[in-house]
Structure formats: C-alpha cells, structure tokens
Amino acid sequence: MIGRRAWWIGAAGFACAVLLSAGPACGPDGEAGNVTGPSPQTGAPPSAGAVQPYAPGGTYFGRNAYIEFRAGTLPIIVSAPHGGSLEPAEIPGRTSGTTVTDVATEDLARAVADALASKTGRQPSLVICRLKRTKVDVNREIGEGTQGNPFAEQAWREFHGFLDAARALAAAAHGRALLVDVHGHGHPKPRVEIGYLLGAADLDRADSDLDDPAWARQSSIRTLAAESGLRFSALLRGPESLGGRLDRAGYLAVPGPTTPSPGSDPYFEGGYITRRHGSADGGPVSAVQLELPSPGVRDTPASHAHFAAVLADALAAFFAAHFRIQL
C-alpha cells in the first residue's frame, strides 16, 4: 500500500497545483468560492485563486462553469470530454483537429452516474466538459486541444485537475479505482468499443501471446491486471471481462467473447485521457475508454437509461470479481 499511498498524496497535490495555476473555481453546487478573477470580457486569462478541498457529495465548477466536477464516494469515476454544448464567444473555434461532438454523451454519462447511485446508494465521481468540442478538446494534448487560447487552456487544465482530484479521492478511500471515459462513435458496426490502449493488431494476437505480462504493462488497466488473478486475455475479452458482461446483457462489445478483436473494422483503442489517467504508469486507478454507438444507446433518453442500468450492473459484477470490492 505504500506505493498507492504515495501516489494519491502526490496526485492530490498535483491536482491542487493544476487548479491553482488554472484560476478560480466555484464551490459546492456552483456557489461562488473564495476566489476571484477578471470577467470574460477582459481578454486576459483569469488570475490564480485559492484552491478548495473537494468534499464527497459536493459539486464544483471551473471558471464560467465550463467544467463540472461531482465528487463521489464510489471507486468509479465517469468522465465525458466530448458531449458539451457551450459555445462562448471568448473562445474562438478550433481550426484543426477533430471537432465533432459525441452526441448525447454528456447526458449518458449523467445517466450512468445516476444508475450507479441508484444501484449502490453512493455516487461515482463525475467530470464533465460542458464546452463544445469546437472550442476545446480535453482528450488531446493541450496544444492541439486548445490551440493557444488562454480560456480554453484554463478549461483544459481544470478538466484534468478535477480528474486528478477524483482519482486521489477514490484511491484514498478504496486503494484502487476505475475511470470510465464515455465517448460516442459512428462506425458502421453499432457495438460498444472498449479501449485499453491496445490496438486492433494487438487484439488480433492469440490469447497465449496477450498473456505475456508485457501487454498488460502497456495497457490502461495495468494495475488491475496485476491484481485480478485472471489471465490478461480473459480480463480483456473472456466471459468475466467487461465486454463479456455487456455481451450477455445484449450489447455486443469489442473486445469480448463474441468479438475478441475488431480486425479490420474501425476501432478506438483509447486516447489522451486513458493514457494520462489510467494505470499504464503503475498508479492505482485503471481506465477504459468506452466508445458507444448511437442505435440503442445514445439515440433516446430511454436508451440512455437502459444502457446505464446495464452498465451499472456490469461494473458492480466486474468490481466484485476483479477488484474484490462490493459496490
């Protein structure tokens, strides 16, 4: 536990440093905190302000409520980087990189958080980018994601600072945790894509090859793989994998028992958030990028609610089996 303890202490300090450099944030439930900054019309980035502690159950906002953070008590963090709709004039449109909105993923992330709360009686942490992707992309390096705009840069730092704070809270309370990063895709095959930082060519490998510890060490679930007791290939795509549990509930997933590899089909293996906030570095918080199709998942509020309930059940069983934590 010494390594984990050092990690979450360091992560908490890093989160505070990030948010301090980023500037002011609002207090619980959006109330103004003890920080100040210039108005959006000044044309200059806000000044630094005092950092607040984050109390489980509190909801916090960054400057102008571009970023939202709900501090939870479960060992689960849900994030939605690409579903925002805010288009403030102070941030110009990005002129390069991907700018397509992952439609309804903000609503779906909230539905997943609500379903987990309903099932367990406790809230996961939730981090939402409310800015449209044309303004900022928090799933890219800061240069590509903000294109040098100071207000976009602040929102980018707030998003990752809130994630660091959520990870520190979860690690302190539970020793380990899982980040579920929610995205949407428009690929021809409407299946759930689970990204572990392993590409299609990696997943094409035989189970015996993937069971080489080198593959687990480069994945976003490195720490979970070391503690699960399950062969890595089985953790990725066996019956007790997250994909396997979604398969059985009627949502075809890749990787999973039915579709162990995407083969030549389009597939998202995970991005900047999964790399930065997962356990590829050996930290206690593992991560998956969840790429969701529109049909039956993102297309209607009823679809949101049904999928969210299924995912909550799958995560509860997954935690009991592999983290040995009862949600």
Protein backbone atom coordinates (compact mmCIF):
# COMPACT_ATOMS: atom_id res chain seq x y z
CA MET A 1 0.00 0.00 0.00
CA ILE A 2 2.99 2.33 0.35
CA GLY A 3 3.15 2.87 -3.40
CA ARG A 4 -0.56 3.63 -3.63
CA ARG A 5 -0.43 5.96 -0.62
CA ALA A 6 2.41 7.92 -2.19
CA TRP A 7 0.53 8.07 -5.47
CA TRP A 8 -2.70 9.54 -4.12
CA ILE A 9 -0.88 12.05 -1.94
CA GLY A 10 1.09 13.12 -5.00
CA ALA A 11 -1.98 13.18 -7.18
CA ALA A 12 -3.88 15.34 -4.72
CA GLY A 13 -1.01 17.78 -4.61
CA PHE A 14 -0.74 17.81 -8.38
CA ALA A 15 -4.49 18.42 -8.74
CA CYS A 16 -4.27 21.38 -6.39
CA ALA A 17 -1.29 22.76 -8.28
CA VAL A 18 -3.09 22.41 -11.61
CA LEU A 19 -6.24 24.09 -10.37
CA LEU A 20 -4.27 26.83 -8.64
CA SER A 21 -2.47 27.67 -11.84
CA ALA A 22 -5.73 27.43 -13.77
CA GLY A 23 -7.51 30.01 -11.63
CA PRO A 24 -10.80 30.20 -9.81
CA ALA A 25 -13.41 27.56 -9.38
CA CYS A 26 -16.85 27.69 -7.86
CA GLY A 27 -17.74 25.97 -4.63
CA PRO A 28 -20.19 23.16 -3.90
CA ASP A 29 -23.32 23.18 -6.05
CA GLY A 30 -21.97 26.07 -8.10
CA GLU A 31 -21.84 28.65 -5.32
CA ALA A 32 -19.06 31.20 -5.63
CA GLY A 33 -15.93 30.27 -3.70
CA ASN A 34 -13.32 32.48 -2.10
CA VAL A 35 -11.61 33.20 -5.40
CA THR A 36 -11.84 35.98 -7.91
CA GLY A 37 -10.82 36.63 -11.49
CA PRO A 38 -11.42 39.11 -14.27
CA SER A 39 -14.61 38.97 -16.27
CA PRO A 40 -14.68 37.09 -19.58
CA GLN A 41 -14.62 40.42 -21.41
CA THR A 42 -11.15 41.48 -20.22
CA GLY A 43 -9.35 39.47 -22.89
CA ALA A 44 -6.81 38.22 -20.34
CA PRO A 45 -6.68 34.88 -18.55
CA PRO A 46 -8.08 34.89 -15.00
CA SER A 47 -5.70 35.36 -12.11
CA ALA A 48 -4.84 32.42 -9.86
CA GLY A 49 -7.03 31.86 -6.82
CA ALA A 50 -7.16 29.73 -3.71
CA VAL A 51 -7.79 26.01 -4.09
CA GLN A 52 -10.71 24.46 -2.26
CA PRO A 53 -10.87 20.99 -0.72
CA TYR A 54 -13.28 18.68 -2.50
CA ALA A 55 -15.84 17.08 -0.22
CA PRO A 56 -17.57 13.86 -1.35
CA GLY A 57 -21.10 14.76 -2.37
CA GLY A 58 -20.16 18.28 -3.44
CA THR A 59 -20.47 19.62 -6.96
CA TYR A 60 -17.83 22.06 -8.19
CA PHE A 61 -17.43 24.15 -11.31
CA GLY A 62 -14.48 25.72 -13.05
CA ARG A 63 -14.49 29.25 -14.41
CA ASN A 64 -17.80 30.13 -16.12
CA ALA A 65 -18.99 26.57 -15.36
CA TYR A 66 -17.20 25.25 -18.44
CA ILE A 67 -16.08 22.21 -16.44
CA GLU A 68 -18.17 20.37 -13.83
CA PHE A 69 -16.95 18.04 -11.10
CA ARG A 70 -19.15 15.99 -8.78
CA ALA A 71 -17.04 14.39 -6.05
CA GLY A 72 -18.24 10.86 -5.32
CA THR A 73 -17.61 8.07 -2.84
CA LEU A 74 -17.56 5.04 -5.15
CA PRO A 75 -14.26 3.72 -6.59
CA ILE A 76 -15.56 4.72 -10.02
CA ILE A 77 -15.00 7.94 -11.97
CA VAL A 78 -17.14 8.75 -15.01
CA SER A 79 -15.94 11.38 -17.47
CA ALA A 80 -17.44 12.89 -20.62
CA PRO A 81 -14.99 15.04 -22.61
CA HIS A 82 -16.80 15.48 -25.94
CA GLY A 83 -20.52 15.93 -25.25
CA GLY A 84 -20.60 19.61 -24.28
CA SER A 85 -22.74 22.25 -25.99
CA LEU A 86 -21.42 25.60 -24.72
CA GLU A 87 -20.00 27.90 -27.41
CA PRO A 88 -18.72 31.05 -25.66
CA ALA A 89 -17.56 33.88 -27.91
CA GLU A 90 -14.42 34.39 -25.83
CA ILE A 91 -13.02 31.09 -27.17
CA PRO A 92 -12.57 31.01 -30.95
CA GLY A 93 -13.42 27.88 -32.90
CA ARG A 94 -10.61 25.37 -33.31
CA THR A 95 -9.27 25.37 -36.85
CA SER A 96 -7.57 21.98 -36.85
CA GLY A 97 -8.03 18.57 -35.30
CA THR A 98 -11.25 16.66 -34.72
CA THR A 99 -14.19 18.88 -33.75
CA VAL A 100 -17.19 16.53 -33.99
CA THR A 101 -19.41 16.36 -30.90
CA ASP A 102 -20.05 12.93 -29.36
CA VAL A 103 -23.81 13.45 -29.35
CA ALA A 104 -25.64 12.76 -26.06
CA THR A 105 -22.54 11.54 -24.21
CA GLU A 106 -22.92 14.21 -21.52
CA ASP A 107 -26.48 13.04 -20.88
CA LEU A 108 -25.39 9.41 -20.99
CA ALA A 109 -22.53 9.97 -18.51
CA ARG A 110 -25.01 11.57 -16.12
CA ALA A 111 -27.38 8.62 -16.63
CA VAL A 112 -24.56 6.18 -15.81
CA ALA A 113 -23.73 8.11 -12.64
CA ASP A 114 -27.42 8.11 -11.64
CA ALA A 115 -27.74 4.38 -12.35
CA LEU A 116 -24.70 3.61 -10.18
CA ALA A 117 -26.12 5.77 -7.40
CA SER A 118 -29.49 4.01 -7.65
CA LYS A 119 -27.86 0.58 -7.54
CA THR A 120 -25.34 1.21 -4.78
CA GLY A 121 -26.68 4.14 -2.76
CA ARG A 122 -23.42 6.01 -3.43
CA GLN A 123 -22.27 8.35 -6.17
CA PRO A 124 -19.34 7.89 -8.52
CA SER A 125 -17.21 10.93 -9.22
CA LEU A 126 -18.28 12.68 -12.41
CA VAL A 127 -16.21 15.05 -14.56
CA ILE A 128 -17.92 16.79 -17.50
CA CYS A 129 -16.54 19.15 -20.13
CA ARG A 130 -19.52 21.37 -20.94
CA LEU A 131 -17.72 23.20 -23.76
CA LYS A 132 -18.39 22.10 -27.30
CA ARG A 133 -15.51 20.25 -28.93
CA THR A 134 -15.18 23.05 -31.48
CA LYS A 135 -13.90 25.19 -28.56
CA VAL A 136 -11.69 22.73 -26.68
CA ASP A 137 -10.72 19.07 -26.86
CA VAL A 138 -9.64 17.84 -23.45
CA ASN A 139 -8.83 14.40 -24.91
CA ARG A 140 -5.81 15.81 -26.74
CA GLU A 141 -2.54 17.35 -25.64
CA ILE A 142 -3.09 20.93 -24.53
CA GLY A 143 -1.59 22.45 -27.70
CA GLU A 144 -3.88 20.61 -30.09
CA GLY A 145 -6.84 20.73 -27.73
CA THR A 146 -6.80 24.49 -27.05
CA GLN A 147 -4.80 25.98 -29.94
CA GLY A 148 -3.28 28.53 -27.58
CA ASN A 149 -6.41 30.28 -26.35
CA PRO A 150 -5.93 31.11 -22.62
CA PHE A 151 -9.57 30.48 -21.68
CA ALA A 152 -9.54 27.12 -23.45
CA GLU A 153 -6.25 26.30 -21.75
CA GLN A 154 -7.77 27.05 -18.36
CA ALA A 155 -10.75 24.79 -19.05
CA TRP A 156 -8.39 22.04 -20.23
CA ARG A 157 -6.35 22.28 -17.03
CA GLU A 158 -9.48 22.35 -14.88
CA PHE A 159 -10.81 19.19 -16.52
CA HIS A 160 -7.61 17.25 -15.86
CA GLY A 161 -7.19 18.80 -12.43
CA PHE A 162 -10.67 17.64 -11.46
CA LEU A 163 -9.87 14.15 -12.77
CA ASP A 164 -6.70 14.11 -10.69
CA ALA A 165 -8.72 15.16 -7.64
CA ALA A 166 -11.30 12.43 -8.31
CA ARG A 167 -8.58 9.81 -8.67
CA ALA A 168 -6.93 10.93 -5.43
CA LEU A 169 -10.25 10.76 -3.56
CA ALA A 170 -11.01 7.26 -4.88
CA ALA A 171 -7.52 5.93 -4.22
CA ALA A 172 -7.50 7.33 -0.68
CA ALA A 173 -10.86 5.73 0.12
CA HIS A 174 -10.55 2.41 -1.71
CA GLY A 175 -6.91 1.81 -2.66
CA ARG A 176 -7.80 1.40 -6.34
CA ALA A 177 -10.48 2.57 -8.74
CA LEU A 178 -11.65 2.63 -12.35
CA LEU A 179 -12.13 5.60 -14.68
CA VAL A 180 -14.82 5.11 -17.34
CA ASP A 181 -14.30 7.69 -20.10
CA VAL A 182 -17.52 8.00 -22.14
CA HIS A 183 -17.41 8.69 -25.90
CA GLY A 184 -19.59 8.12 -28.95
CA HIS A 185 -18.72 6.65 -32.35
CA GLY A 186 -20.39 6.45 -35.74
CA HIS A 187 -18.67 3.33 -37.04
CA PRO A 188 -20.64 1.02 -39.37
CA LYS A 189 -20.99 -1.72 -36.75
CA PRO A 190 -23.09 -0.46 -33.81
CA ARG A 191 -21.22 -2.15 -31.00
CA VAL A 192 -19.61 -0.97 -27.78
CA GLU A 193 -15.86 -0.44 -28.21
CA ILE A 194 -13.79 -0.77 -25.03
CA GLY A 195 -10.36 0.84 -25.26
CA TYR A 196 -7.44 -0.38 -23.14
CA LEU A 197 -4.62 1.31 -25.13
CA LEU A 198 -4.28 -1.84 -27.22
CA GLY A 199 -4.84 -1.51 -30.95
CA ALA A 200 -6.57 -3.86 -33.37
CA ALA A 201 -3.28 -5.52 -34.29
CA ASP A 202 -2.60 -6.21 -30.62
CA LEU A 203 -6.06 -7.70 -30.09
CA ASP A 204 -5.56 -9.89 -33.17
CA ARG A 205 -2.98 -11.82 -31.18
CA ALA A 206 -3.71 -15.21 -29.70
CA ASP A 207 -4.65 -15.37 -26.04
CA SER A 208 -1.33 -17.04 -25.25
CA ASP A 209 0.52 -14.05 -26.74
CA LEU A 210 -1.59 -11.47 -24.89
CA ASP A 211 -0.93 -13.30 -21.62
CA ASP A 212 2.70 -12.17 -21.83
CA PRO A 213 2.95 -9.62 -18.96
CA ALA A 214 4.40 -7.03 -21.37
CA TRP A 215 0.94 -6.44 -22.88
CA ALA A 216 -0.72 -5.82 -19.53
CA ARG A 217 2.07 -3.42 -18.57
CA GLN A 218 1.38 -1.16 -21.54
CA SER A 219 -2.40 -1.18 -21.06
CA SER A 220 -4.59 1.33 -19.22
CA ILE A 221 -5.57 -1.43 -16.74
CA ARG A 222 -2.03 -2.44 -15.81
CA THR A 223 -2.66 -2.29 -12.05
CA LEU A 224 -5.99 -4.09 -12.27
CA ALA A 225 -4.40 -6.82 -14.40
CA ALA A 226 -1.68 -7.35 -11.80
CA GLU A 227 -4.25 -7.78 -9.02
CA SER A 228 -7.13 -9.55 -10.75
CA GLY A 229 -5.72 -13.06 -10.71
CA LEU A 230 -7.24 -13.64 -14.15
CA ARG A 231 -5.19 -14.19 -17.29
CA PHE A 232 -4.85 -10.88 -19.13
CA SER A 233 -6.57 -12.18 -22.26
CA ALA A 234 -9.52 -13.32 -20.15
CA LEU A 235 -9.67 -9.96 -18.37
CA LEU A 236 -9.80 -8.26 -21.78
CA ARG A 237 -12.27 -10.48 -23.62
CA GLY A 238 -13.29 -13.52 -21.62
CA PRO A 239 -16.74 -14.21 -20.17
CA GLU A 240 -15.91 -12.26 -16.98
CA SER A 241 -14.49 -9.26 -18.82
CA LEU A 242 -16.41 -6.01 -19.06
CA GLY A 243 -17.08 -6.83 -22.71
CA GLY A 244 -18.31 -10.28 -21.74
CA ARG A 245 -20.77 -8.88 -19.24
CA LEU A 246 -22.12 -6.37 -21.78
CA ASP A 247 -22.37 -9.14 -24.40
CA ARG A 248 -24.58 -11.21 -22.11
CA ALA A 249 -26.80 -8.21 -21.44
CA GLY A 250 -27.46 -7.73 -25.16
CA TYR A 251 -24.84 -5.07 -26.05
CA LEU A 252 -22.26 -6.53 -28.40
CA ALA A 253 -18.83 -5.36 -27.26
CA VAL A 254 -15.30 -5.49 -28.62
CA PRO A 255 -13.12 -6.88 -27.21
CA GLY A 256 -15.40 -9.53 -25.76
CA PRO A 257 -16.12 -13.26 -26.12
CA THR A 258 -18.21 -12.78 -29.27
CA THR A 259 -15.83 -10.29 -30.93
CA PRO A 260 -12.35 -10.71 -29.41
CA SER A 261 -10.78 -8.27 -31.89
CA PRO A 262 -12.10 -5.59 -34.25
CA GLY A 263 -9.94 -6.99 -37.04
CA SER A 264 -10.01 -4.56 -39.96
CA ASP A 265 -13.06 -2.68 -38.68
CA PRO A 266 -12.66 0.86 -37.26
CA TYR A 267 -11.92 0.81 -33.54
CA PHE A 268 -10.89 3.36 -30.91
CA GLU A 269 -8.26 1.93 -28.58
CA GLY A 270 -8.15 4.82 -26.09
CA GLY A 271 -6.84 8.36 -26.17
CA TYR A 272 -5.10 11.02 -24.13
CA ILE A 273 -7.41 10.73 -21.09
CA THR A 274 -7.00 6.95 -20.92
CA ARG A 275 -3.22 7.25 -21.23
CA ARG A 276 -2.85 10.08 -18.73
CA HIS A 277 -5.29 8.92 -16.08
CA GLY A 278 -5.14 5.13 -16.42
CA SER A 279 -2.66 2.81 -14.73
CA ALA A 280 -0.15 2.35 -17.56
CA ASP A 281 2.25 4.18 -15.22
CA GLY A 282 1.51 1.74 -12.39
CA GLY A 283 -0.84 4.02 -10.42
CA PRO A 284 -3.86 2.62 -8.57
CA VAL A 285 -6.55 3.97 -10.93
CA SER A 286 -7.14 1.95 -14.10
CA ALA A 287 -9.12 3.34 -17.04
CA VAL A 288 -11.17 2.31 -20.04
CA GLN A 289 -12.38 4.38 -22.98
CA LEU A 290 -15.98 3.45 -23.69
CA GLU A 291 -16.95 4.23 -27.30
CA LEU A 292 -20.71 3.92 -27.68
CA PRO A 293 -22.84 3.61 -30.82
CA SER A 294 -25.94 5.69 -31.31
CA PRO A 295 -28.60 2.99 -32.01
CA GLY A 296 -29.99 1.61 -28.79
CA VAL A 297 -27.52 3.51 -26.60
CA ARG A 298 -27.31 7.23 -27.42
CA ASP A 299 -30.41 7.76 -29.57
CA THR A 300 -33.13 8.35 -26.96
CA PRO A 301 -33.46 9.07 -23.23
CA ALA A 302 -34.96 5.60 -22.82
CA SER A 303 -31.88 4.10 -24.48
CA HIS A 304 -29.65 6.11 -22.13
CA ALA A 305 -31.46 4.83 -19.08
CA HIS A 306 -31.47 1.19 -20.17
CA PHE A 307 -27.81 1.10 -21.15
CA ALA A 308 -26.81 2.98 -18.00
CA ALA A 309 -28.60 0.41 -15.82
CA VAL A 310 -26.93 -2.46 -17.69
CA LEU A 311 -23.51 -0.82 -17.37
CA ALA A 312 -24.04 -0.23 -13.63
CA ASP A 313 -24.84 -3.93 -13.17
CA ALA A 314 -21.82 -4.93 -15.27
CA LEU A 315 -19.49 -2.66 -13.32
CA ALA A 316 -20.75 -3.95 -9.98
CA ALA A 317 -20.09 -7.55 -11.03
CA PHE A 318 -16.74 -6.58 -12.57
CA PHE A 319 -15.62 -4.90 -9.34
CA ALA A 320 -16.66 -7.85 -7.20
CA ALA A 321 -14.80 -10.29 -9.43
CA HIS A 322 -11.60 -8.38 -10.17
CA PHE A 323 -11.17 -5.57 -7.65
CA ARG A 324 -12.74 -7.68 -4.87
CA ILE A 325 -14.77 -4.62 -3.90
CA GLN A 326 -18.52 -4.80 -3.33
CA LEU A 327 -20.16 -1.68 -4.69
